[in-house]
Amino acid sequence: MEPRSPSKFKIPIMGFVQYKRVFNIGIIVLAVVLLLVGVYHVFGPGRGGNVLGRPYFTVVVDCGSTGTRVNVYEWVMKGERNWELPMLMHSYPDLSTKSPLWKGACQYHCLQTEPGLDKFVGNYSGVRASLEPLILWAEQQVPPERRGETPVFVLATAGLRRLDVVDVKQVLDDAEAVVGKHAFLHRRSWIRVLSGKEEAYYGWIALNYKMGRLGNNSRLPTLGLLDLGGSSLQVVMEVGESREDGHLVRSRVGLFEHRILAYSLTEFGINKAFDRTVSMLSQVQPLREGSGRKLELQHPCLGSDYVNNYTCDGCIFSNATDSNSSQPMRNHHFTSVYLVGDLNWEQCKGLARTAAIHSSSSDWSNLTLALNCKAHLPSHSGSNILNSKATTHAAACFHALSGFFVVYTMLNLSQRANMTEIWERGQLLCSRSDAHFGSISGNYARQFCFSVPYLASLIEDGLCLGDAEINFGPGDVSWTLGAALVEGEYLWLSTTNSRLSISSLKIKSVLASPFFLFILLLGLLLIVYCSQIKLPMPGKRGAGVRSSLPSYIYPKRRPN
């Protein structure tokens, strides 16, 4: 029998092989498309990081000495380069905010709970009552689908800095327990106490970012910062020359490095300074003890309608009189007194100036305001450090925020008001016997006639900034804006480390995604399948096909 011709089987067999190759390639292409769709679904916009033009949010809780506040910032990326700062689209609260937490007729920190968290050591209920309403309000400002990727930073300032380490840890642990029950993204390292230098630095970042002085497109000099809070005063300025200084902060923003001197003067906040005036008055006023061992203390910076109980830890009454025996009580210490308003502008000026330079002089009523400030600053005040730098700092212009801005607003001053205008407006209002400031809430209103000469004396005598240009405001700038930029930089930096940081934050939710597990399994099957496919070598197509044909197509010839 003659052997069958190979040509009869060649076309069908080669056609089958070609169809099989097309089928295999189609399977590979389909699997790759599904894999790419899965990667996009898991890591694409809305699931890992932020893309150009898509807004994202940051929440910062400010745990201050007088109360707890919250700010929500909405950002959008301006460019794809890692040195481009994000653009602030909106900050909350604003003037349109409606909330029971809004303090009517106030000028600063209008959305807050009181008192500060430092009053709730060992009191979880108190911490929760302070934080939860603010976080619930913040959640309403962020779209529901974005809350899980929106970070919340709970940052405390001077109020908690005064506490023992054990007490601080307990308050922060309670704060973390409250935050953990809500939808925002959080870490334990994001719930902490800021150092004074950090708080001052964040304020400087916030001011210069808001005023367009940071970033690669700005060639304008940066601005100095004066930020008057309840417990501390922040003073920050950029310096041109390099120096070794414990207050120096080196900061790279965009392509430029800034050398910044950041001071936090813990005894110069408005409430701390007012406490010193009460202590000074207790040493010179003739007092008589009333019922319940309460003493009345007249204060020349308070309106005539002011009467209130006051806790005075530093009051030592050297000439109080016992109401029962009419005998003097020498050097008795009382922690609770009744403050009674007895407005006297001239006496208030001297008292406020003494507090501004942290003087221990008991003859405060005879001090004048035209003295050389450098000669009268005691070394323990901390301000003498500023004086030695005052003529060499690079910032020729300072912006006065927070407490300074509140007083500026109440006096209805222009943004660039000079010290003469402050003194004249203050005297005009506070020299009236019927002066009343009850329409404005908070300590700045109650202590208005103290705040005016105090801030003027700080600038002229305490800080020696009389030759610098002082602008008041903008009123909506808070150090929390700087904290949102610096603490939340992983949200807007496009460097490799930032992407890794974002991925690590979301890794648990990604791995738990059923769709991600399906794509992972599909990829593994694809690898196994592809490893078993034998593809022909280029240029040897015929040999490849022929080698796969059965051997009986070419039988050996029998020898004749």
Protein backbone atom coordinates (compact mmCIF):
# COMPACT_ATOMS: atom_id res chain seq x y z
CA MET A 1 0.00 0.00 0.00
CA GLU A 2 1.36 3.39 -0.91
CA PRO A 3 1.82 5.82 1.91
CA ARG A 4 -0.73 8.63 2.28
CA SER A 5 0.41 11.96 0.93
CA PRO A 6 1.28 14.43 3.61
CA SER A 7 -0.32 17.21 1.60
CA LYS A 8 -3.76 15.82 2.32
CA PHE A 9 -3.34 16.47 6.04
CA LYS A 10 -1.09 19.54 6.06
CA ILE A 11 -3.72 22.24 5.57
CA PRO A 12 -6.23 20.99 8.19
CA ILE A 13 -3.54 20.47 10.80
CA MET A 14 -1.89 23.84 10.23
CA GLY A 15 -5.31 25.52 10.27
CA PHE A 16 -6.07 23.95 13.63
CA VAL A 17 -2.77 25.20 15.04
CA GLN A 18 -3.44 28.72 13.77
CA TYR A 19 -6.92 28.75 15.29
CA LYS A 20 -5.45 27.54 18.59
CA ARG A 21 -2.86 30.35 18.56
CA VAL A 22 -5.54 32.96 17.88
CA PHE A 23 -7.65 31.53 20.69
CA ASN A 24 -4.71 31.62 23.11
CA ILE A 25 -3.83 35.20 22.21
CA GLY A 26 -7.47 36.22 22.63
CA ILE A 27 -7.54 34.69 26.12
CA ILE A 28 -4.35 36.53 27.07
CA VAL A 29 -5.66 39.88 25.77
CA LEU A 30 -8.97 39.43 27.62
CA ALA A 31 -7.17 38.56 30.88
CA VAL A 32 -4.85 41.57 30.58
CA VAL A 33 -7.80 43.90 29.96
CA LEU A 34 -9.62 42.51 33.01
CA LEU A 35 -6.47 42.87 35.08
CA LEU A 36 -6.02 46.51 34.05
CA VAL A 37 -9.68 47.25 34.80
CA GLY A 38 -9.26 45.69 38.24
CA VAL A 39 -6.12 47.69 39.01
CA TYR A 40 -7.91 50.88 37.96
CA HIS A 41 -10.92 49.96 40.08
CA VAL A 42 -8.81 49.40 43.20
CA PHE A 43 -6.11 52.04 42.86
CA GLY A 44 -7.71 54.57 40.51
CA PRO A 45 -9.29 57.94 41.37
CA GLY A 46 -11.26 57.81 44.60
CA ARG A 47 -9.43 54.75 45.95
CA GLY A 48 -5.80 55.71 46.36
CA GLY A 49 -4.41 59.19 46.48
CA ASN A 50 -5.66 62.31 44.77
CA VAL A 51 -5.67 63.22 41.13
CA LEU A 52 -5.34 66.56 39.43
CA GLY A 53 -8.53 68.60 39.69
CA ARG A 54 -10.26 66.29 42.16
CA PRO A 55 -10.94 67.89 45.56
CA TYR A 56 -9.92 66.28 48.83
CA PHE A 57 -10.36 67.24 52.49
CA THR A 58 -8.39 67.63 55.72
CA VAL A 59 -9.86 67.98 59.22
CA VAL A 60 -7.89 69.64 62.04
CA VAL A 61 -9.14 69.80 65.64
CA ASP A 62 -7.52 72.59 67.68
CA CYS A 63 -7.47 71.68 71.38
CA GLY A 64 -6.66 75.04 72.94
CA SER A 65 -6.52 76.34 76.48
CA THR A 66 -9.90 78.11 76.34
CA GLY A 67 -11.81 75.68 74.13
CA THR A 68 -11.77 73.08 71.36
CA ARG A 69 -12.30 74.08 67.73
CA VAL A 70 -12.51 72.27 64.39
CA ASN A 71 -11.59 73.30 60.85
CA VAL A 72 -12.32 71.48 57.59
CA TYR A 73 -10.22 72.35 54.54
CA GLU A 74 -11.10 71.49 50.95
CA TRP A 75 -8.18 71.33 48.50
CA VAL A 76 -7.50 70.68 44.84
CA MET A 77 -4.19 69.84 43.17
CA LYS A 78 -2.73 72.55 40.94
CA GLY A 79 -0.03 70.53 39.16
CA GLU A 80 1.51 67.11 38.84
CA ARG A 81 4.95 68.12 40.14
CA ASN A 82 5.77 67.27 43.73
CA TRP A 83 6.75 70.83 44.65
CA GLU A 84 3.39 72.32 43.69
CA LEU A 85 1.34 73.34 46.73
CA PRO A 86 -2.35 72.45 46.59
CA MET A 87 -4.98 75.15 46.12
CA LEU A 88 -7.31 75.84 49.04
CA MET A 89 -10.83 75.82 47.63
CA HIS A 90 -12.78 76.35 50.84
CA SER A 91 -12.37 76.37 54.60
CA TYR A 92 -15.07 75.62 57.14
CA PRO A 93 -16.56 77.09 59.28
CA ASP A 94 -17.28 80.29 57.40
CA LEU A 95 -19.70 83.16 57.88
CA SER A 96 -22.52 81.08 56.41
CA THR A 97 -22.09 78.31 59.00
CA LYS A 98 -25.20 77.53 61.04
CA SER A 99 -24.64 75.39 64.11
CA PRO A 100 -25.57 75.42 67.80
CA LEU A 101 -21.82 75.53 68.44
CA TRP A 102 -21.54 78.92 66.72
CA LYS A 103 -20.82 81.69 69.20
CA GLY A 104 -22.93 84.69 68.27
CA ALA A 105 -21.32 88.10 67.73
CA CYS A 106 -17.79 86.76 68.16
CA GLN A 107 -14.82 87.60 65.95
CA TYR A 108 -12.52 84.65 66.49
CA HIS A 109 -12.95 80.91 67.16
CA CYS A 110 -16.69 81.13 66.66
CA LEU A 111 -17.36 77.39 66.42
CA GLN A 112 -16.12 75.70 69.57
CA THR A 113 -16.88 73.78 72.71
CA GLU A 114 -15.75 74.99 76.12
CA PRO A 115 -13.70 74.62 78.28
CA GLY A 116 -10.40 73.21 76.99
CA LEU A 117 -9.53 69.49 77.16
CA ASP A 118 -7.00 70.14 79.94
CA LYS A 119 -10.01 70.45 82.28
CA PHE A 120 -11.06 66.83 81.60
CA VAL A 121 -8.20 64.72 82.92
CA GLY A 122 -9.65 61.32 83.82
CA ASN A 123 -13.04 62.39 82.47
CA TYR A 124 -13.85 60.50 79.27
CA SER A 125 -17.38 61.89 79.20
CA GLY A 126 -16.04 65.43 79.24
CA VAL A 127 -13.57 64.71 76.41
CA ARG A 128 -16.33 63.08 74.39
CA ALA A 129 -18.72 65.99 74.99
CA SER A 130 -16.03 68.37 73.72
CA LEU A 131 -14.93 66.46 70.64
CA GLU A 132 -17.95 64.55 69.34
CA PRO A 133 -20.16 67.52 68.36
CA LEU A 134 -17.27 69.02 66.42
CA ILE A 135 -16.42 65.79 64.59
CA LEU A 136 -20.08 65.16 63.76
CA TRP A 137 -20.27 68.67 62.32
CA ALA A 138 -17.06 68.09 60.32
CA GLU A 139 -18.52 64.89 58.85
CA GLN A 140 -21.38 66.91 57.42
CA GLN A 141 -18.90 69.05 55.47
CA VAL A 142 -17.25 66.06 53.77
CA PRO A 143 -19.09 63.92 51.18
CA PRO A 144 -19.90 60.45 52.63
CA GLU A 145 -17.81 58.61 50.03
CA ARG A 146 -14.72 60.72 50.94
CA ARG A 147 -14.83 60.43 54.74
CA GLY A 148 -12.91 57.17 54.91
CA GLU A 149 -9.93 58.74 53.13
CA THR A 150 -10.09 62.13 54.90
CA PRO A 151 -7.52 62.43 57.72
CA VAL A 152 -8.38 64.02 61.05
CA PHE A 153 -5.58 65.58 63.13
CA VAL A 154 -6.31 66.29 66.81
CA LEU A 155 -3.59 68.71 67.94
CA ALA A 156 -3.38 70.28 71.40
CA THR A 157 -1.54 73.45 72.37
CA ALA A 158 -0.60 75.33 75.53
CA GLY A 159 -3.46 74.03 77.70
CA LEU A 160 -2.24 70.43 77.56
CA ARG A 161 1.43 71.42 77.46
CA ARG A 162 1.06 72.53 81.07
CA LEU A 163 -0.10 69.09 82.28
CA ASP A 164 1.97 66.17 83.52
CA VAL A 165 2.91 63.52 80.98
CA VAL A 166 0.61 60.92 82.57
CA ASP A 167 -2.37 63.28 82.46
CA VAL A 168 -1.64 64.26 78.87
CA LYS A 169 -1.55 60.62 77.79
CA GLN A 170 -4.88 59.93 79.45
CA VAL A 171 -6.58 62.86 77.72
CA LEU A 172 -5.11 61.89 74.34
CA ASP A 173 -6.13 58.25 74.80
CA ASP A 174 -9.69 59.38 75.50
CA ALA A 175 -9.57 61.62 72.43
CA GLU A 176 -8.42 58.70 70.26
CA ALA A 177 -11.27 56.55 71.56
CA VAL A 178 -13.76 59.24 70.51
CA VAL A 179 -12.21 59.80 67.09
CA GLY A 180 -12.02 56.05 66.41
CA LYS A 181 -15.80 55.77 66.49
CA HIS A 182 -16.17 57.99 63.45
CA ALA A 183 -15.58 57.56 59.73
CA PHE A 184 -12.50 59.73 59.32
CA LEU A 185 -9.05 58.27 58.72
CA HIS A 186 -6.90 58.58 61.85
CA ARG A 187 -3.65 57.45 63.42
CA ARG A 188 -2.43 57.63 66.99
CA SER A 189 0.50 59.83 65.88
CA TRP A 190 -2.03 62.35 64.55
CA ILE A 191 -3.44 62.88 68.06
CA ARG A 192 -0.77 64.68 70.04
CA VAL A 193 0.42 67.85 71.78
CA LEU A 194 2.26 70.37 69.62
CA SER A 195 5.41 71.99 70.91
CA GLY A 196 5.33 75.76 71.11
CA LYS A 197 7.77 75.98 68.20
CA GLU A 198 5.55 73.75 66.04
CA GLU A 199 2.49 75.85 66.78
CA ALA A 200 4.35 79.03 65.89
CA TYR A 201 5.77 77.48 62.70
CA TYR A 202 2.35 76.26 61.55
CA GLY A 203 0.98 79.75 62.05
CA TRP A 204 3.76 81.20 59.88
CA ILE A 205 3.06 78.63 57.14
CA ALA A 206 -0.67 79.43 57.27
CA LEU A 207 -0.15 83.19 57.03
CA ASN A 208 2.34 83.12 54.16
CA TYR A 209 0.39 80.48 52.23
CA LYS A 210 -2.80 82.54 52.60
CA MET A 211 -1.04 85.72 51.46
CA GLY A 212 0.60 84.04 48.44
CA ARG A 213 4.15 84.28 49.79
CA LEU A 214 4.95 80.57 49.55
CA GLY A 215 5.47 78.53 46.39
CA ASN A 216 7.62 78.67 43.29
CA ASN A 217 5.70 81.50 41.65
CA SER A 218 6.25 83.96 44.50
CA ARG A 219 9.35 86.14 44.71
CA LEU A 220 7.94 88.35 47.45
CA PRO A 221 9.55 88.37 50.92
CA THR A 222 7.76 86.35 53.57
CA LEU A 223 5.74 87.96 56.35
CA GLY A 224 6.37 87.90 60.08
CA LEU A 225 3.70 86.58 62.44
CA LEU A 226 2.31 87.83 65.75
CA ASP A 227 -0.34 85.45 67.09
CA LEU A 228 -1.88 86.23 70.47
CA GLY A 229 -3.70 83.33 72.09
CA GLY A 230 -5.14 82.67 75.51
CA SER A 231 -2.02 81.15 77.08
CA SER A 232 0.83 81.96 74.72
CA LEU A 233 2.12 84.48 72.22
CA GLN A 234 3.68 83.24 68.96
CA VAL A 235 6.28 85.37 67.21
CA VAL A 236 7.74 84.07 63.93
CA MET A 237 10.02 85.66 61.34
CA GLU A 238 12.31 84.54 58.53
CA VAL A 239 16.00 85.36 58.81
CA GLY A 240 18.43 85.76 55.96
CA GLU A 241 21.64 84.59 57.59
CA SER A 242 22.36 81.12 58.93
CA ARG A 243 22.77 80.83 62.70
CA GLU A 244 22.74 78.26 65.45
CA ASP A 245 19.60 78.85 67.47
CA GLY A 246 17.26 76.56 69.37
CA HIS A 247 14.31 78.48 67.91
CA LEU A 248 15.47 78.04 64.30
CA VAL A 249 13.33 75.95 61.95
CA ARG A 250 14.57 75.01 58.48
CA SER A 251 11.68 74.48 56.11
CA ARG A 252 11.63 73.57 52.42
CA VAL A 253 8.48 74.69 50.66
CA GLY A 254 8.57 73.99 46.94
CA LEU A 255 12.05 74.66 45.57
CA PHE A 256 13.08 77.10 48.30
CA GLU A 257 14.42 76.60 51.82
CA HIS A 258 13.36 79.03 54.53
CA ARG A 259 15.21 79.70 57.80
CA ILE A 260 12.61 80.68 60.37
CA LEU A 261 12.87 81.85 63.96
CA ALA A 262 9.78 80.57 65.78
CA TYR A 263 9.11 81.71 69.36
CA SER A 264 6.29 80.60 71.63
CA LEU A 265 6.17 82.79 74.76
CA THR A 266 4.07 80.81 77.21
CA GLU A 267 3.45 83.59 79.73
CA PHE A 268 2.30 86.25 77.30
CA GLY A 269 -1.13 84.99 76.21
CA ILE A 270 -4.02 87.34 76.98
CA ASN A 271 -5.39 85.22 79.85
CA LYS A 272 -1.99 84.58 81.39
CA ALA A 273 -1.18 88.28 81.31
CA PHE A 274 -4.53 89.19 82.85
CA ASP A 275 -3.89 86.65 85.63
CA ARG A 276 -0.66 88.50 86.43
CA THR A 277 -2.52 91.77 86.78
CA VAL A 278 -4.94 90.21 89.29
CA SER A 279 -2.00 88.84 91.25
CA MET A 280 -0.31 92.25 91.27
CA LEU A 281 -3.50 93.96 92.42
CA SER A 282 -3.90 91.49 95.28
CA GLN A 283 -0.61 92.71 96.74
CA VAL A 284 -1.46 96.42 96.82
CA GLN A 285 -5.20 96.74 97.37
CA PRO A 286 -6.68 97.01 100.86
CA LEU A 287 -9.22 94.20 101.02
CA ARG A 288 -11.77 92.91 103.49
CA GLU A 289 -12.77 89.29 103.72
CA GLY A 290 -16.46 88.67 103.14
CA SER A 291 -18.70 85.68 103.77
CA GLY A 292 -17.32 82.28 102.79
CA ARG A 293 -13.78 83.68 102.95
CA LYS A 294 -14.30 85.45 99.61
CA LEU A 295 -12.48 88.66 98.86
CA GLU A 296 -13.50 91.45 96.54
CA LEU A 297 -10.85 92.81 94.20
CA GLN A 298 -11.34 95.95 92.14
CA HIS A 299 -9.81 95.90 88.67
CA PRO A 300 -9.21 99.16 86.73
CA CYS A 301 -9.48 97.42 83.31
CA LEU A 302 -13.00 96.06 83.82
CA GLY A 303 -16.28 97.86 83.19
CA SER A 304 -18.33 99.14 86.09
CA ASP A 305 -21.03 96.49 85.49
CA TYR A 306 -18.59 93.59 85.83
CA VAL A 307 -18.84 91.36 88.93
CA ASN A 308 -17.72 87.78 88.72
CA ASN A 309 -16.10 84.98 90.67
CA TYR A 310 -12.47 84.52 89.70
CA THR A 311 -9.93 81.79 90.45
CA CYS A 312 -6.58 83.38 91.22
CA ASP A 313 -3.81 80.86 91.85
CA GLY A 314 -1.14 83.53 92.35
CA CYS A 315 -3.02 85.91 94.64
CA ILE A 316 -1.38 86.69 97.99
CA PHE A 317 -3.24 89.33 99.97
CA SER A 318 -0.80 91.01 102.33
CA ASN A 319 -3.30 93.44 103.85
CA ALA A 320 -6.64 91.64 103.93
CA THR A 321 -8.82 92.14 107.00
CA ASP A 322 -10.83 89.50 108.84
CA SER A 323 -14.47 90.61 109.01
CA ASN A 324 -14.92 89.04 112.45
CA SER A 325 -11.87 90.39 114.29
CA SER A 326 -10.98 93.43 112.17
CA GLN A 327 -7.36 92.26 112.44
CA PRO A 328 -5.05 92.26 109.38
CA MET A 329 -4.23 88.86 107.87
CA ARG A 330 -0.63 88.93 106.63
CA ASN A 331 0.33 87.07 103.44
CA HIS A 332 -2.79 84.95 103.22
CA HIS A 333 -3.27 82.96 100.04
CA PHE A 334 -6.76 82.87 98.52
CA THR A 335 -7.62 81.07 95.31
CA SER A 336 -11.13 82.46 94.88
CA VAL A 337 -12.01 86.15 94.73
CA TYR A 338 -14.76 88.34 93.36
CA LEU A 339 -13.53 90.65 90.60
CA VAL A 340 -15.37 93.96 90.59
CA GLY A 341 -15.05 96.40 87.70
CA ASP A 342 -13.67 99.86 88.52
CA LEU A 343 -12.69 101.27 85.14
CA ASN A 344 -9.74 103.69 85.17
CA TRP A 345 -7.93 104.05 81.84
CA GLU A 346 -4.68 105.54 83.16
CA GLN A 347 -4.27 102.89 85.85
CA CYS A 348 -5.16 100.18 83.34
CA LYS A 349 -2.44 101.41 80.95
CA GLY A 350 0.27 101.07 83.57
CA LEU A 351 -1.00 97.69 84.72
CA ALA A 352 -1.16 96.32 81.16
CA ARG A 353 2.32 97.56 80.31
CA THR A 354 3.74 95.91 83.41
CA ALA A 355 2.14 92.65 82.34
CA ALA A 356 3.45 93.09 78.78
CA ILE A 357 7.07 93.30 79.91
CA HIS A 358 6.54 90.72 82.67
CA SER A 359 7.84 93.20 85.23
CA SER A 360 7.80 92.33 88.92
CA SER A 361 7.60 95.98 89.91
CA SER A 362 4.83 96.74 92.38
CA ASP A 363 4.92 100.43 91.43
CA TRP A 364 3.17 99.76 88.15
CA SER A 365 0.93 102.80 88.38
CA ASN A 366 3.91 105.16 87.88
CA LEU A 367 5.36 103.43 84.80
CA THR A 368 5.21 105.39 81.56
CA LEU A 369 4.94 104.05 78.06
CA ALA A 370 7.79 106.01 76.47
CA LEU A 371 10.68 104.14 78.09
CA ASN A 372 13.33 102.19 76.22
CA CYS A 373 11.88 98.70 76.03
CA LYS A 374 15.23 96.90 75.97
CA ALA A 375 16.28 98.41 79.28
CA HIS A 376 13.23 97.16 81.15
CA LEU A 377 12.86 93.57 79.99
CA PRO A 378 13.90 91.13 82.73
CA SER A 379 15.94 88.14 81.62
CA HIS A 380 13.36 85.61 82.81
CA SER A 381 10.65 86.94 80.49
CA GLY A 382 12.04 85.35 77.37
CA SER A 383 11.43 88.52 75.34
CA ASN A 384 15.02 89.70 75.61
CA ILE A 385 15.84 86.97 73.09
CA LEU A 386 13.63 88.76 70.59
CA ASN A 387 15.22 92.13 71.24
CA SER A 388 18.66 90.94 70.18
CA LYS A 389 17.20 89.80 66.86
CA ALA A 390 14.84 92.71 66.29
CA THR A 391 17.21 94.73 64.10
CA THR A 392 18.49 91.77 62.06
CA HIS A 393 15.37 89.85 61.09
CA ALA A 394 14.41 89.75 57.43
CA ALA A 395 10.69 90.37 57.93
CA ALA A 396 9.97 94.08 57.59
CA CYS A 397 6.24 93.47 57.80
CA PHE A 398 4.32 91.58 60.49
CA HIS A 399 0.71 90.44 60.52
CA ALA A 400 -1.03 90.39 63.91
CA LEU A 401 -3.62 87.62 64.22
CA SER A 402 -6.02 86.04 66.72
CA GLY A 403 -6.27 88.21 69.83
CA PHE A 404 -4.66 91.15 68.05
CA PHE A 405 -7.23 90.89 65.26
CA VAL A 406 -10.11 90.73 67.73
CA VAL A 407 -9.08 94.02 69.33
CA TYR A 408 -8.49 95.60 65.92
CA THR A 409 -12.03 94.62 64.91
CA MET A 410 -13.60 95.93 68.11
CA LEU A 411 -11.78 99.23 67.67
CA ASN A 412 -12.90 99.42 64.02
CA LEU A 413 -9.35 100.18 62.89
CA SER A 414 -7.90 100.18 59.40
CA GLN A 415 -5.72 97.20 58.48
CA ARG A 416 -2.52 99.23 58.82
CA ALA A 417 -3.44 101.18 61.93
CA ASN A 418 -0.45 102.50 63.87
CA MET A 419 0.08 102.42 67.61
CA THR A 420 -1.09 106.01 68.04
CA GLU A 421 -4.51 105.11 66.62
CA ILE A 422 -4.77 102.12 68.94
CA TRP A 423 -4.04 104.22 72.01
CA GLU A 424 -6.44 106.99 70.96
CA ARG A 425 -9.33 104.67 70.10
CA GLY A 426 -8.80 102.66 73.26
CA GLN A 427 -8.74 105.73 75.45
CA LEU A 428 -11.85 107.12 73.77
CA LEU A 429 -13.84 103.99 74.58
CA CYS A 430 -12.37 103.01 77.92
CA SER A 431 -12.31 106.43 79.52
CA ARG A 432 -16.13 106.49 79.59
CA SER A 433 -17.63 105.49 82.88
CA ASP A 434 -20.49 103.73 81.07
CA ALA A 435 -18.21 101.67 78.81
CA HIS A 436 -19.90 98.37 78.03
CA PHE A 437 -18.82 95.60 75.65
CA GLY A 438 -21.35 92.89 76.39
CA SER A 439 -22.32 92.60 72.70
CA ILE A 440 -19.09 90.71 72.01
CA SER A 441 -18.60 87.34 73.67
CA GLY A 442 -15.49 85.83 75.18
CA ASN A 443 -12.59 86.99 77.32
CA TYR A 444 -11.52 89.56 74.75
CA ALA A 445 -14.76 91.47 75.37
CA ARG A 446 -14.69 91.13 79.15
CA GLN A 447 -11.05 92.20 79.17
CA PHE A 448 -11.32 94.66 76.30
CA CYS A 449 -9.90 97.66 78.12
CA PHE A 450 -7.00 95.50 79.26
CA SER A 451 -6.47 93.97 75.80
CA VAL A 452 -6.00 97.33 74.05
CA PRO A 453 -3.07 98.67 76.11
CA TYR A 454 -1.66 95.16 76.52
CA LEU A 455 -1.28 94.45 72.81
CA ALA A 456 0.03 97.98 72.15
CA SER A 457 2.59 97.59 74.93
CA LEU A 458 3.59 94.17 73.60
CA ILE A 459 4.42 95.62 70.19
CA GLU A 460 6.12 98.79 71.44
CA ASP A 461 7.84 97.65 74.62
CA GLY A 462 7.74 93.87 74.94
CA LEU A 463 8.82 92.92 71.42
CA CYS A 464 10.51 96.10 70.24
CA LEU A 465 8.80 96.03 66.85
CA GLY A 466 7.91 99.71 66.78
CA ASP A 467 9.76 100.32 63.49
CA ALA A 468 8.26 97.33 61.68
CA GLU A 469 5.07 97.60 59.65
CA ILE A 470 2.19 95.95 61.55
CA ASN A 471 -0.91 94.79 59.69
CA PHE A 472 -3.94 93.30 61.43
CA GLY A 473 -5.48 90.17 59.97
CA PRO A 474 -6.59 88.44 57.88
CA GLY A 475 -9.03 87.24 60.48
CA ASP A 476 -9.65 83.79 58.99
CA VAL A 477 -6.04 82.60 59.30
CA SER A 478 -5.29 80.03 61.99
CA TRP A 479 -2.28 77.79 62.61
CA THR A 480 -4.60 74.88 61.79
CA LEU A 481 -4.27 75.77 58.09
CA GLY A 482 -0.50 75.35 58.32
CA ALA A 483 -0.95 72.09 60.21
CA ALA A 484 -3.28 70.79 57.48
CA LEU A 485 -0.58 71.51 54.88
CA VAL A 486 2.40 70.14 56.81
CA GLU A 487 0.81 67.24 58.69
CA GLY A 488 -1.22 66.20 55.66
CA GLU A 489 1.52 66.64 53.07
CA TYR A 490 1.26 62.98 51.99
CA LEU A 491 -2.10 63.91 50.46
CA TRP A 492 -0.63 66.32 47.94
CA LEU A 493 3.01 65.35 47.42
CA SER A 494 3.45 63.24 44.29
CA THR A 495 6.77 61.67 45.31
CA THR A 496 7.31 57.91 45.57
CA ASN A 497 7.32 58.07 49.35
CA SER A 498 3.98 59.83 49.32
CA ARG A 499 2.41 57.19 47.11
CA LEU A 500 3.76 54.49 49.39
CA SER A 501 2.31 56.34 52.38
CA ILE A 502 -1.10 56.57 50.74
CA SER A 503 -1.01 52.90 49.75
CA SER A 504 -0.05 51.80 53.26
CA LEU A 505 -2.99 53.72 54.71
CA LYS A 506 -5.46 51.97 52.40
CA ILE A 507 -3.83 48.53 52.17
CA LYS A 508 -6.27 46.83 54.54
CA SER A 509 -9.34 47.94 52.66
CA VAL A 510 -7.73 47.08 49.32
CA LEU A 511 -6.76 43.54 50.35
CA ALA A 512 -10.23 42.98 51.77
CA SER A 513 -11.87 43.92 48.46
CA PRO A 514 -13.51 40.84 46.76
CA PHE A 515 -12.88 42.38 43.38
CA PHE A 516 -9.16 42.69 44.15
CA LEU A 517 -9.02 39.04 45.24
CA PHE A 518 -10.76 38.00 42.01
CA ILE A 519 -8.26 39.94 39.90
CA LEU A 520 -5.36 38.45 41.86
CA LEU A 521 -6.68 34.92 41.25
CA LEU A 522 -7.22 35.67 37.57
CA GLY A 523 -3.65 36.89 37.29
CA LEU A 524 -2.27 33.73 38.87
CA LEU A 525 -4.32 31.53 36.51
CA LEU A 526 -3.06 33.59 33.60
CA ILE A 527 0.55 33.01 34.63
CA VAL A 528 0.00 29.26 34.93
CA TYR A 529 -1.83 29.11 31.60
CA CYS A 530 0.80 31.11 29.74
CA SER A 531 3.61 28.95 31.10
CA GLN A 532 2.10 25.92 29.29
CA ILE A 533 1.75 27.53 25.85
CA LYS A 534 4.46 26.71 23.30
CA LEU A 535 4.78 29.57 20.88
CA PRO A 536 6.66 29.08 17.57
CA MET A 537 10.05 30.70 17.17
CA PRO A 538 10.16 33.55 14.65
CA GLY A 539 11.58 32.51 11.25
CA LYS A 540 11.03 28.78 11.89
CA ARG A 541 7.30 28.56 11.50
CA GLY A 542 7.37 25.55 9.14
CA ALA A 543 9.82 23.61 11.24
CA GLY A 544 7.75 24.24 14.27
CA VAL A 545 4.64 22.86 12.62
CA ARG A 546 6.41 19.92 11.06
CA SER A 547 7.96 18.86 14.32
CA SER A 548 4.53 18.59 15.86
CA LEU A 549 3.16 16.24 13.19
CA PRO A 550 2.84 12.52 13.86
CA SER A 551 5.82 10.44 12.86
CA TYR A 552 3.75 7.99 10.83
CA ILE A 553 3.32 10.55 8.06
CA TYR A 554 6.91 9.89 7.12
CA PRO A 555 7.30 6.07 7.39
CA LYS A 556 10.66 4.49 6.83
CA ARG A 557 11.10 2.76 3.47
CA ARG A 558 11.66 -0.96 3.50
CA PRO A 559 14.93 -2.06 1.98
CA ASN A 560 14.59 -3.69 -1.43
